[in-house]
Amino acid sequence: MAKLIASTPCAGLLPQTFGTVTLTEVDASPITWVAPFAGQMKATSDALKAALGITFPAPNRTTGTGTRAVWCGMDQALVMGADCPDLPMAATADHSDAWAIVRIEGADAAAVLARLTPIDLRPSVFKRGHTARSLIAHMNAGITKVGANAFEVMVMRSMAGTLVHDLEQAAKGVAARAALA
């Protein structure tokens, strides 16, 4: 009988460094999708605050750092990094194995992402704690700014290899351009 061995979405693909940019896999488990029922946003936010010290995020924002809540759609968020408390006032679902998350960090991180997404990533527009649902190349993705020169990109687990490939190609292009300057 075959023995199954659990692996992460980007196992064997990351980490990698190209020029000033490093790509690493993020393990944000557990991840819970949370959608408050009608009229229950404040109660859901209060319950998250009491249990985890984070609130339900506003649109296109995140709350918290280690344990955090990341906006992912209208009245929806992903609670990441801690077990979500019982929330009878919201719909919840375990998404721990659903996502591949890659951290892009370094001086040219925004330049790499700019080759793949239409989002305006200038620091004056897309600040730390901002998040957006958009495209990375041809994939639906969540993009979150987690530091001055650091972003996290989330795609469905099945797209992990494609995400890493697209980020590699963009990072190689940015590094090559910098080497010619």
C-alpha atoms as a PDB file:
ATOM      1  CA  MET A   1       0.000   0.000   0.000  1.00  0.00           C
ATOM      2  CA  ALA A   2       1.276   3.446  -0.896  1.00  0.00           C
ATOM      3  CA  LYS A   3       2.251   5.727   1.954  1.00  0.00           C
ATOM      4  CA  LEU A   4       1.089   9.307   1.452  1.00  0.00           C
ATOM      5  CA  ILE A   5       3.330  12.117   2.618  1.00  0.00           C
ATOM      6  CA  ALA A   6       1.919  15.609   3.120  1.00  0.00           C
ATOM      7  CA  SER A   7       3.760  18.399   1.351  1.00  0.00           C
ATOM      8  CA  THR A   8       3.332  22.138   1.044  1.00  0.00           C
ATOM      9  CA  PRO A   9       2.046  23.674  -2.207  1.00  0.00           C
ATOM     10  CA  CYS A  10       5.479  25.030  -3.175  1.00  0.00           C
ATOM     11  CA  ALA A  11       7.558  22.089  -1.895  1.00  0.00           C
ATOM     12  CA  GLY A  12      10.747  21.799  -3.928  1.00  0.00           C
ATOM     13  CA  LEU A  13      10.114  25.084  -5.740  1.00  0.00           C
ATOM     14  CA  LEU A  14      11.104  27.675  -3.138  1.00  0.00           C
ATOM     15  CA  PRO A  15      13.044  29.489  -1.717  1.00  0.00           C
ATOM     16  CA  GLN A  16      14.794  31.248  -4.590  1.00  0.00           C
ATOM     17  CA  THR A  17      16.619  34.546  -5.014  1.00  0.00           C
ATOM     18  CA  PHE A  18      16.951  36.608  -8.191  1.00  0.00           C
ATOM     19  CA  GLY A  19      18.899  39.859  -7.936  1.00  0.00           C
ATOM     20  CA  THR A  20      17.493  41.744  -4.946  1.00  0.00           C
ATOM     21  CA  VAL A  21      14.300  39.671  -4.748  1.00  0.00           C
ATOM     22  CA  THR A  22      13.721  36.558  -2.648  1.00  0.00           C
ATOM     23  CA  LEU A  23      10.730  34.261  -3.103  1.00  0.00           C
ATOM     24  CA  THR A  24       9.729  32.114  -0.115  1.00  0.00           C
ATOM     25  CA  GLU A  25       6.724  30.015   0.750  1.00  0.00           C
ATOM     26  CA  VAL A  26       4.509  31.153   3.628  1.00  0.00           C
ATOM     27  CA  ASP A  27       2.765  28.679   5.910  1.00  0.00           C
ATOM     28  CA  ALA A  28      -0.142  30.647   7.367  1.00  0.00           C
ATOM     29  CA  SER A  29      -2.014  27.582   8.679  1.00  0.00           C
ATOM     30  CA  PRO A  30      -4.591  27.341   9.937  1.00  0.00           C
ATOM     31  CA  ILE A  31      -6.667  29.435   7.528  1.00  0.00           C
ATOM     32  CA  THR A  32     -10.406  29.901   8.078  1.00  0.00           C
ATOM     33  CA  TRP A  33     -12.789  31.656   5.692  1.00  0.00           C
ATOM     34  CA  VAL A  34     -15.260  33.831   7.621  1.00  0.00           C
ATOM     35  CA  ALA A  35     -18.424  35.496   6.271  1.00  0.00           C
ATOM     36  CA  PRO A  36     -20.644  37.187   8.865  1.00  0.00           C
ATOM     37  CA  PHE A  37     -24.385  36.657   8.483  1.00  0.00           C
ATOM     38  CA  ALA A  38     -26.495  39.730   7.611  1.00  0.00           C
ATOM     39  CA  GLY A  39     -26.281  42.315  10.376  1.00  0.00           C
ATOM     40  CA  GLN A  40     -23.602  40.354  12.284  1.00  0.00           C
ATOM     41  CA  MET A  41     -20.410  42.137  11.165  1.00  0.00           C
ATOM     42  CA  LYS A  42     -19.859  43.928  14.497  1.00  0.00           C
ATOM     43  CA  ALA A  43     -20.606  40.798  16.539  1.00  0.00           C
ATOM     44  CA  THR A  44     -18.159  38.803  14.392  1.00  0.00           C
ATOM     45  CA  SER A  45     -15.486  41.481  14.731  1.00  0.00           C
ATOM     46  CA  ASP A  46     -16.023  41.653  18.507  1.00  0.00           C
ATOM     47  CA  ALA A  47     -15.731  37.848  18.812  1.00  0.00           C
ATOM     48  CA  LEU A  48     -12.490  37.834  16.811  1.00  0.00           C
ATOM     49  CA  LYS A  49     -11.122  40.682  18.948  1.00  0.00           C
ATOM     50  CA  ALA A  50     -11.958  38.851  22.191  1.00  0.00           C
ATOM     51  CA  ALA A  51     -10.529  35.513  21.065  1.00  0.00           C
ATOM     52  CA  LEU A  52      -7.575  36.460  18.851  1.00  0.00           C
ATOM     53  CA  GLY A  53      -6.921  40.176  19.322  1.00  0.00           C
ATOM     54  CA  ILE A  54      -7.826  41.005  15.705  1.00  0.00           C
ATOM     55  CA  THR A  55     -10.889  42.625  14.187  1.00  0.00           C
ATOM     56  CA  PHE A  56     -12.757  41.871  10.979  1.00  0.00           C
ATOM     57  CA  PRO A  57     -10.940  43.854   8.266  1.00  0.00           C
ATOM     58  CA  ALA A  58     -12.345  46.690   6.225  1.00  0.00           C
ATOM     59  CA  PRO A  59     -12.418  46.191   2.441  1.00  0.00           C
ATOM     60  CA  ASN A  60      -8.918  45.886   0.931  1.00  0.00           C
ATOM     61  CA  ARG A  61      -7.254  45.811   4.361  1.00  0.00           C
ATOM     62  CA  THR A  62      -5.741  43.385   6.834  1.00  0.00           C
ATOM     63  CA  THR A  63      -5.721  43.405  10.632  1.00  0.00           C
ATOM     64  CA  GLY A  64      -3.067  41.883  12.862  1.00  0.00           C
ATOM     65  CA  THR A  65       0.421  40.682  11.984  1.00  0.00           C
ATOM     66  CA  GLY A  66       1.162  37.118  13.198  1.00  0.00           C
ATOM     67  CA  THR A  67      -2.435  36.077  13.616  1.00  0.00           C
ATOM     68  CA  ARG A  68      -4.317  38.164  11.118  1.00  0.00           C
ATOM     69  CA  ALA A  69      -7.522  38.663   9.191  1.00  0.00           C
ATOM     70  CA  VAL A  70      -7.186  39.378   5.469  1.00  0.00           C
ATOM     71  CA  TRP A  71     -10.084  40.812   3.494  1.00  0.00           C
ATOM     72  CA  CYS A  72     -10.875  38.521   0.545  1.00  0.00           C
ATOM     73  CA  GLY A  73     -14.192  39.781  -0.832  1.00  0.00           C
ATOM     74  CA  MET A  74     -17.389  41.594   0.070  1.00  0.00           C
ATOM     75  CA  ASP A  75     -18.047  40.822   3.763  1.00  0.00           C
ATOM     76  CA  GLN A  76     -15.489  37.983   3.686  1.00  0.00           C
ATOM     77  CA  ALA A  77     -12.109  37.491   5.302  1.00  0.00           C
ATOM     78  CA  LEU A  78      -9.508  34.807   5.878  1.00  0.00           C
ATOM     79  CA  VAL A  79      -8.400  34.362   9.484  1.00  0.00           C
ATOM     80  CA  MET A  80      -4.804  33.163   9.284  1.00  0.00           C
ATOM     81  CA  GLY A  81      -2.243  31.871  11.738  1.00  0.00           C
ATOM     82  CA  ALA A  82      -4.502  30.730  14.589  1.00  0.00           C
ATOM     83  CA  ASP A  83      -7.512  28.531  15.126  1.00  0.00           C
ATOM     84  CA  CYS A  84     -10.633  30.560  14.484  1.00  0.00           C
ATOM     85  CA  PRO A  85     -13.004  30.702  17.465  1.00  0.00           C
ATOM     86  CA  ASP A  86     -16.535  29.373  17.222  1.00  0.00           C
ATOM     87  CA  LEU A  87     -18.512  32.063  15.388  1.00  0.00           C
ATOM     88  CA  PRO A  88     -22.229  31.215  15.445  1.00  0.00           C
ATOM     89  CA  MET A  89     -22.949  34.595  13.832  1.00  0.00           C
ATOM     90  CA  ALA A  90     -20.930  33.785  10.688  1.00  0.00           C
ATOM     91  CA  ALA A  91     -20.399  31.130   8.077  1.00  0.00           C
ATOM     92  CA  THR A  92     -16.930  29.575   8.351  1.00  0.00           C
ATOM     93  CA  ALA A  93     -14.931  27.000   6.406  1.00  0.00           C
ATOM     94  CA  ASP A  94     -11.458  25.543   6.830  1.00  0.00           C
ATOM     95  CA  HIS A  95      -9.221  26.730   3.982  1.00  0.00           C
ATOM     96  CA  SER A  96      -5.903  25.566   5.446  1.00  0.00           C
ATOM     97  CA  ASP A  97      -5.000  23.376   2.472  1.00  0.00           C
ATOM     98  CA  ALA A  98      -6.637  25.545  -0.180  1.00  0.00           C
ATOM     99  CA  TRP A  99      -3.997  28.222  -0.694  1.00  0.00           C
ATOM    100  CA  ALA A 100      -0.430  28.616  -1.922  1.00  0.00           C
ATOM    101  CA  ILE A 101       1.150  31.736  -0.437  1.00  0.00           C
ATOM    102  CA  VAL A 102       4.429  33.189  -1.712  1.00  0.00           C
ATOM    103  CA  ARG A 103       6.300  36.067  -0.086  1.00  0.00           C
ATOM    104  CA  ILE A 104       8.143  38.370  -2.486  1.00  0.00           C
ATOM    105  CA  GLU A 105      10.682  40.468  -0.661  1.00  0.00           C
ATOM    106  CA  GLY A 106      13.483  42.804  -1.636  1.00  0.00           C
ATOM    107  CA  ALA A 107      14.233  46.172  -3.173  1.00  0.00           C
ATOM    108  CA  ASP A 108      12.740  45.168  -6.544  1.00  0.00           C
ATOM    109  CA  ALA A 109       9.714  43.245  -5.219  1.00  0.00           C
ATOM    110  CA  ALA A 110       7.215  45.836  -6.484  1.00  0.00           C
ATOM    111  CA  ALA A 111       8.936  45.910  -9.901  1.00  0.00           C
ATOM    112  CA  VAL A 112       8.575  42.124 -10.165  1.00  0.00           C
ATOM    113  CA  LEU A 113       4.877  42.251  -9.301  1.00  0.00           C
ATOM    114  CA  ALA A 114       4.322  45.216 -11.635  1.00  0.00           C
ATOM    115  CA  ARG A 115       5.157  42.896 -14.544  1.00  0.00           C
ATOM    116  CA  LEU A 116       2.309  40.571 -13.549  1.00  0.00           C
ATOM    117  CA  THR A 117      -0.525  42.617 -12.038  1.00  0.00           C
ATOM    118  CA  PRO A 118      -2.452  45.768 -12.969  1.00  0.00           C
ATOM    119  CA  ILE A 119      -2.496  47.001  -9.344  1.00  0.00           C
ATOM    120  CA  ASP A 120      -0.812  50.344  -8.642  1.00  0.00           C
ATOM    121  CA  LEU A 121       1.881  49.201  -6.192  1.00  0.00           C
ATOM    122  CA  ARG A 122       3.487  52.600  -5.551  1.00  0.00           C
ATOM    123  CA  PRO A 123       4.121  53.040  -1.797  1.00  0.00           C
ATOM    124  CA  SER A 124       1.925  56.150  -1.729  1.00  0.00           C
ATOM    125  CA  VAL A 125      -1.042  54.110  -3.007  1.00  0.00           C
ATOM    126  CA  PHE A 126      -0.599  50.480  -1.864  1.00  0.00           C
ATOM    127  CA  LYS A 127       0.601  50.666   1.735  1.00  0.00           C
ATOM    128  CA  ARG A 128       1.484  48.095   4.379  1.00  0.00           C
ATOM    129  CA  GLY A 129      -1.699  46.329   5.448  1.00  0.00           C
ATOM    130  CA  HIS A 130      -3.411  46.907   2.088  1.00  0.00           C
ATOM    131  CA  THR A 131      -4.705  43.867   0.226  1.00  0.00           C
ATOM    132  CA  ALA A 132      -6.430  43.399  -3.105  1.00  0.00           C
ATOM    133  CA  ARG A 133      -8.045  40.687  -5.184  1.00  0.00           C
ATOM    134  CA  SER A 134      -6.619  40.929  -8.676  1.00  0.00           C
ATOM    135  CA  LEU A 135      -4.730  39.025 -11.320  1.00  0.00           C
ATOM    136  CA  ILE A 136      -1.200  37.706 -11.271  1.00  0.00           C
ATOM    137  CA  ALA A 137      -0.580  36.993 -14.945  1.00  0.00           C
ATOM    138  CA  HIS A 138      -3.720  34.972 -15.789  1.00  0.00           C
ATOM    139  CA  MET A 139      -4.526  33.726 -12.241  1.00  0.00           C
ATOM    140  CA  ASN A 140      -6.940  35.152  -9.686  1.00  0.00           C
ATOM    141  CA  ALA A 141      -4.917  36.109  -6.641  1.00  0.00           C
ATOM    142  CA  GLY A 142      -4.850  38.003  -3.391  1.00  0.00           C
ATOM    143  CA  ILE A 143      -1.958  40.458  -3.047  1.00  0.00           C
ATOM    144  CA  THR A 144      -1.101  41.871   0.376  1.00  0.00           C
ATOM    145  CA  LYS A 145       1.639  44.335   1.283  1.00  0.00           C
ATOM    146  CA  VAL A 146       3.273  43.015   4.450  1.00  0.00           C
ATOM    147  CA  GLY A 147       6.372  45.240   4.662  1.00  0.00           C
ATOM    148  CA  ALA A 148       8.141  48.184   3.053  1.00  0.00           C
ATOM    149  CA  ASN A 149       9.499  45.919   0.288  1.00  0.00           C
ATOM    150  CA  ALA A 150       7.505  42.757   0.941  1.00  0.00           C
ATOM    151  CA  PHE A 151       4.296  41.318  -0.483  1.00  0.00           C
ATOM    152  CA  GLU A 152       2.400  38.069  -0.109  1.00  0.00           C
ATOM    153  CA  VAL A 153       0.589  36.578  -3.080  1.00  0.00           C
ATOM    154  CA  MET A 154      -2.119  33.965  -2.539  1.00  0.00           C
ATOM    155  CA  VAL A 155      -3.450  31.688  -5.265  1.00  0.00           C
ATOM    156  CA  MET A 156      -5.381  28.449  -5.130  1.00  0.00           C
ATOM    157  CA  ARG A 157      -3.084  25.552  -4.215  1.00  0.00           C
ATOM    158  CA  SER A 158      -3.456  23.951  -7.648  1.00  0.00           C
ATOM    159  CA  MET A 159      -1.829  27.045  -9.212  1.00  0.00           C
ATOM    160  CA  ALA A 160       1.320  27.010  -7.006  1.00  0.00           C
ATOM    161  CA  GLY A 161       3.680  25.822  -9.742  1.00  0.00           C
ATOM    162  CA  THR A 162       2.336  28.367 -12.219  1.00  0.00           C
ATOM    163  CA  LEU A 163       2.650  31.187  -9.675  1.00  0.00           C
ATOM    164  CA  VAL A 164       6.256  30.298  -8.872  1.00  0.00           C
ATOM    165  CA  HIS A 165       7.094  30.029 -12.587  1.00  0.00           C
ATOM    166  CA  ASP A 166       5.549  33.416 -13.401  1.00  0.00           C
ATOM    167  CA  LEU A 167       7.273  35.094 -10.441  1.00  0.00           C
ATOM    168  CA  GLU A 168      10.607  33.515 -11.416  1.00  0.00           C
ATOM    169  CA  GLN A 169      10.333  34.796 -14.997  1.00  0.00           C
ATOM    170  CA  ALA A 170       9.418  38.314 -13.851  1.00  0.00           C
ATOM    171  CA  ALA A 171      12.192  38.354 -11.220  1.00  0.00           C
ATOM    172  CA  LYS A 172      14.783  37.159 -13.744  1.00  0.00           C
ATOM    173  CA  GLY A 173      13.717  39.932 -16.104  1.00  0.00           C
ATOM    174  CA  VAL A 174      13.993  42.614 -13.427  1.00  0.00           C
ATOM    175  CA  ALA A 175      17.394  41.273 -12.281  1.00  0.00           C
ATOM    176  CA  ALA A 176      18.695  41.194 -15.864  1.00  0.00           C
ATOM    177  CA  ARG A 177      17.567  44.758 -16.474  1.00  0.00           C
ATOM    178  CA  ALA A 178      19.296  45.909 -13.256  1.00  0.00           C
ATOM    179  CA  ALA A 179      22.519  44.137 -14.284  1.00  0.00           C
ATOM    180  CA  LEU A 180      22.569  46.127 -17.543  1.00  0.00           C
ATOM    181  CA  ALA A 181      22.096  49.489 -15.805  1.00  0.00           C
END
